[in-house]
Amino acid sequence: MKALSTGPRARPTACFRLLSPHQVLEETRDLLERLSCRCRLTSDHYTNYINLDWEIPREKERLLAEIDRSLTWSEDQFRPFFIGTQ
């Protein structure tokens, strides 16, 4: 969330809060559930909570099932998220 003021003395302020692993996966699932184009989803960066590599729409149900399965895990089972130059 970001608040922005205008004017000569305005100083922008910002507040950013990282989503939890479950929140990220729920948001990803919501987006993929509504996706109707033909594509390939590859989520294999070290900062992603789970690795995914699926073709949409052919493997969509299996992809959603994989996300649902990972949503049953305790959040401390996911690799830690970090920001930096690692």
C-alpha atoms as a PDB file:
ATOM      1  CA  MET A   1       0.000   0.000   0.000  1.00  0.00           C
ATOM      2  CA  LYS A   2       1.359   3.416  -0.881  1.00  0.00           C
ATOM      3  CA  ALA A   3       0.091   6.863   0.011  1.00  0.00           C
ATOM      4  CA  LEU A   4       1.118   9.810  -2.121  1.00  0.00           C
ATOM      5  CA  SER A   5       0.593  13.479  -1.389  1.00  0.00           C
ATOM      6  CA  THR A   6       1.041  16.233  -3.935  1.00  0.00           C
ATOM      7  CA  GLY A   7       2.285  19.761  -3.524  1.00  0.00           C
ATOM      8  CA  PRO A   8       5.610  21.525  -3.054  1.00  0.00           C
ATOM      9  CA  ARG A   9       6.314  20.037   0.376  1.00  0.00           C
ATOM     10  CA  ALA A  10       4.749  16.657  -0.181  1.00  0.00           C
ATOM     11  CA  ARG A  11       6.774  13.706   1.034  1.00  0.00           C
ATOM     12  CA  PRO A  12       5.580  10.338  -0.238  1.00  0.00           C
ATOM     13  CA  THR A  13       5.197   7.652   2.362  1.00  0.00           C
ATOM     14  CA  ALA A  14       4.948   3.969   1.688  1.00  0.00           C
ATOM     15  CA  CYS A  15       4.139   0.867   3.654  1.00  0.00           C
ATOM     16  CA  PHE A  16       4.823  -2.544   2.162  1.00  0.00           C
ATOM     17  CA  ARG A  17       4.000  -5.835   3.818  1.00  0.00           C
ATOM     18  CA  LEU A  18       5.131  -9.177   2.411  1.00  0.00           C
ATOM     19  CA  LEU A  19       2.458 -11.805   1.951  1.00  0.00           C
ATOM     20  CA  SER A  20       2.767 -15.072   3.817  1.00  0.00           C
ATOM     21  CA  PRO A  21       3.527 -18.217   1.782  1.00  0.00           C
ATOM     22  CA  HIS A  22      -0.134 -19.260   1.943  1.00  0.00           C
ATOM     23  CA  GLN A  23      -1.292 -15.814   0.838  1.00  0.00           C
ATOM     24  CA  VAL A  24       1.087 -15.908  -2.144  1.00  0.00           C
ATOM     25  CA  LEU A  25      -0.144 -19.360  -3.133  1.00  0.00           C
ATOM     26  CA  GLU A  26      -3.800 -18.402  -2.714  1.00  0.00           C
ATOM     27  CA  GLU A  27      -3.267 -15.345  -4.908  1.00  0.00           C
ATOM     28  CA  THR A  28      -1.422 -17.451  -7.505  1.00  0.00           C
ATOM     29  CA  ARG A  29      -4.188 -20.061  -7.462  1.00  0.00           C
ATOM     30  CA  ASP A  30      -6.861 -17.409  -7.885  1.00  0.00           C
ATOM     31  CA  LEU A  31      -5.070 -15.947 -10.896  1.00  0.00           C
ATOM     32  CA  LEU A  32      -4.436 -19.345 -12.520  1.00  0.00           C
ATOM     33  CA  GLU A  33      -7.976 -20.553 -11.933  1.00  0.00           C
ATOM     34  CA  ARG A  34      -9.245 -17.659 -14.052  1.00  0.00           C
ATOM     35  CA  LEU A  35      -6.547 -17.884 -16.719  1.00  0.00           C
ATOM     36  CA  SER A  36      -8.022 -18.920 -20.057  1.00  0.00           C
ATOM     37  CA  CYS A  37      -5.137 -18.535 -22.498  1.00  0.00           C
ATOM     38  CA  ARG A  38      -2.759 -21.224 -23.692  1.00  0.00           C
ATOM     39  CA  CYS A  39       0.594 -20.815 -21.936  1.00  0.00           C
ATOM     40  CA  ARG A  40       3.262 -22.467 -19.855  1.00  0.00           C
ATOM     41  CA  LEU A  41       3.715 -21.519 -16.208  1.00  0.00           C
ATOM     42  CA  THR A  42       7.241 -21.870 -14.926  1.00  0.00           C
ATOM     43  CA  SER A  43       7.862 -20.823 -11.354  1.00  0.00           C
ATOM     44  CA  ASP A  44      11.366 -22.011 -10.603  1.00  0.00           C
ATOM     45  CA  HIS A  45      13.196 -19.027  -9.118  1.00  0.00           C
ATOM     46  CA  TYR A  46      14.869 -19.619  -5.758  1.00  0.00           C
ATOM     47  CA  THR A  47      12.601 -17.035  -4.118  1.00  0.00           C
ATOM     48  CA  ASN A  48       9.389 -18.855  -5.112  1.00  0.00           C
ATOM     49  CA  TYR A  49       7.807 -20.935  -2.374  1.00  0.00           C
ATOM     50  CA  ILE A  50       7.192 -23.938  -4.641  1.00  0.00           C
ATOM     51  CA  ASN A  51       8.495 -24.910  -8.061  1.00  0.00           C
ATOM     52  CA  LEU A  52       5.890 -25.220 -10.782  1.00  0.00           C
ATOM     53  CA  ASP A  53       6.219 -26.089 -14.459  1.00  0.00           C
ATOM     54  CA  TRP A  54       2.884 -26.748 -16.129  1.00  0.00           C
ATOM     55  CA  GLU A  55       1.093 -26.180 -19.414  1.00  0.00           C
ATOM     56  CA  ILE A  56      -2.191 -24.304 -19.277  1.00  0.00           C
ATOM     57  CA  PRO A  57      -4.942 -25.339 -19.991  1.00  0.00           C
ATOM     58  CA  ARG A  58      -3.861 -28.955 -20.527  1.00  0.00           C
ATOM     59  CA  GLU A  59      -2.459 -29.430 -17.007  1.00  0.00           C
ATOM     60  CA  LYS A  60      -4.472 -26.770 -15.212  1.00  0.00           C
ATOM     61  CA  GLU A  61      -6.322 -29.143 -12.871  1.00  0.00           C
ATOM     62  CA  ARG A  62      -3.076 -30.855 -11.835  1.00  0.00           C
ATOM     63  CA  LEU A  63      -1.445 -27.470 -11.265  1.00  0.00           C
ATOM     64  CA  LEU A  64      -4.309 -26.303  -9.059  1.00  0.00           C
ATOM     65  CA  ALA A  65      -4.168 -29.594  -7.143  1.00  0.00           C
ATOM     66  CA  GLU A  66      -0.431 -29.084  -6.550  1.00  0.00           C
ATOM     67  CA  ILE A  67      -1.077 -25.602  -5.174  1.00  0.00           C
ATOM     68  CA  ASP A  68      -3.927 -26.938  -3.013  1.00  0.00           C
ATOM     69  CA  ARG A  69      -1.608 -29.633  -1.659  1.00  0.00           C
ATOM     70  CA  SER A  70       1.029 -27.058  -0.740  1.00  0.00           C
ATOM     71  CA  LEU A  71      -1.618 -24.976   1.031  1.00  0.00           C
ATOM     72  CA  THR A  72      -1.992 -27.844   3.532  1.00  0.00           C
ATOM     73  CA  TRP A  73       1.642 -27.471   4.640  1.00  0.00           C
ATOM     74  CA  SER A  74       2.565 -25.495   7.706  1.00  0.00           C
ATOM     75  CA  GLU A  75       4.011 -22.135   6.639  1.00  0.00           C
ATOM     76  CA  ASP A  76       7.316 -22.938   8.354  1.00  0.00           C
ATOM     77  CA  GLN A  77       7.818 -25.793   5.846  1.00  0.00           C
ATOM     78  CA  PHE A  78       8.384 -23.338   2.989  1.00  0.00           C
ATOM     79  CA  ARG A  79      11.835 -22.089   2.144  1.00  0.00           C
ATOM     80  CA  PRO A  80      12.466 -18.720   3.773  1.00  0.00           C
ATOM     81  CA  PHE A  81      11.867 -15.618   1.730  1.00  0.00           C
ATOM     82  CA  PHE A  82      14.607 -13.052   1.562  1.00  0.00           C
ATOM     83  CA  ILE A  83      15.323  -9.926  -0.405  1.00  0.00           C
ATOM     84  CA  GLY A  84      18.828  -9.020  -1.411  1.00  0.00           C
ATOM     85  CA  THR A  85      21.625  -9.846  -3.773  1.00  0.00           C
ATOM     86  CA  GLN A  86      21.947 -13.556  -2.946  1.00  0.00           C
END
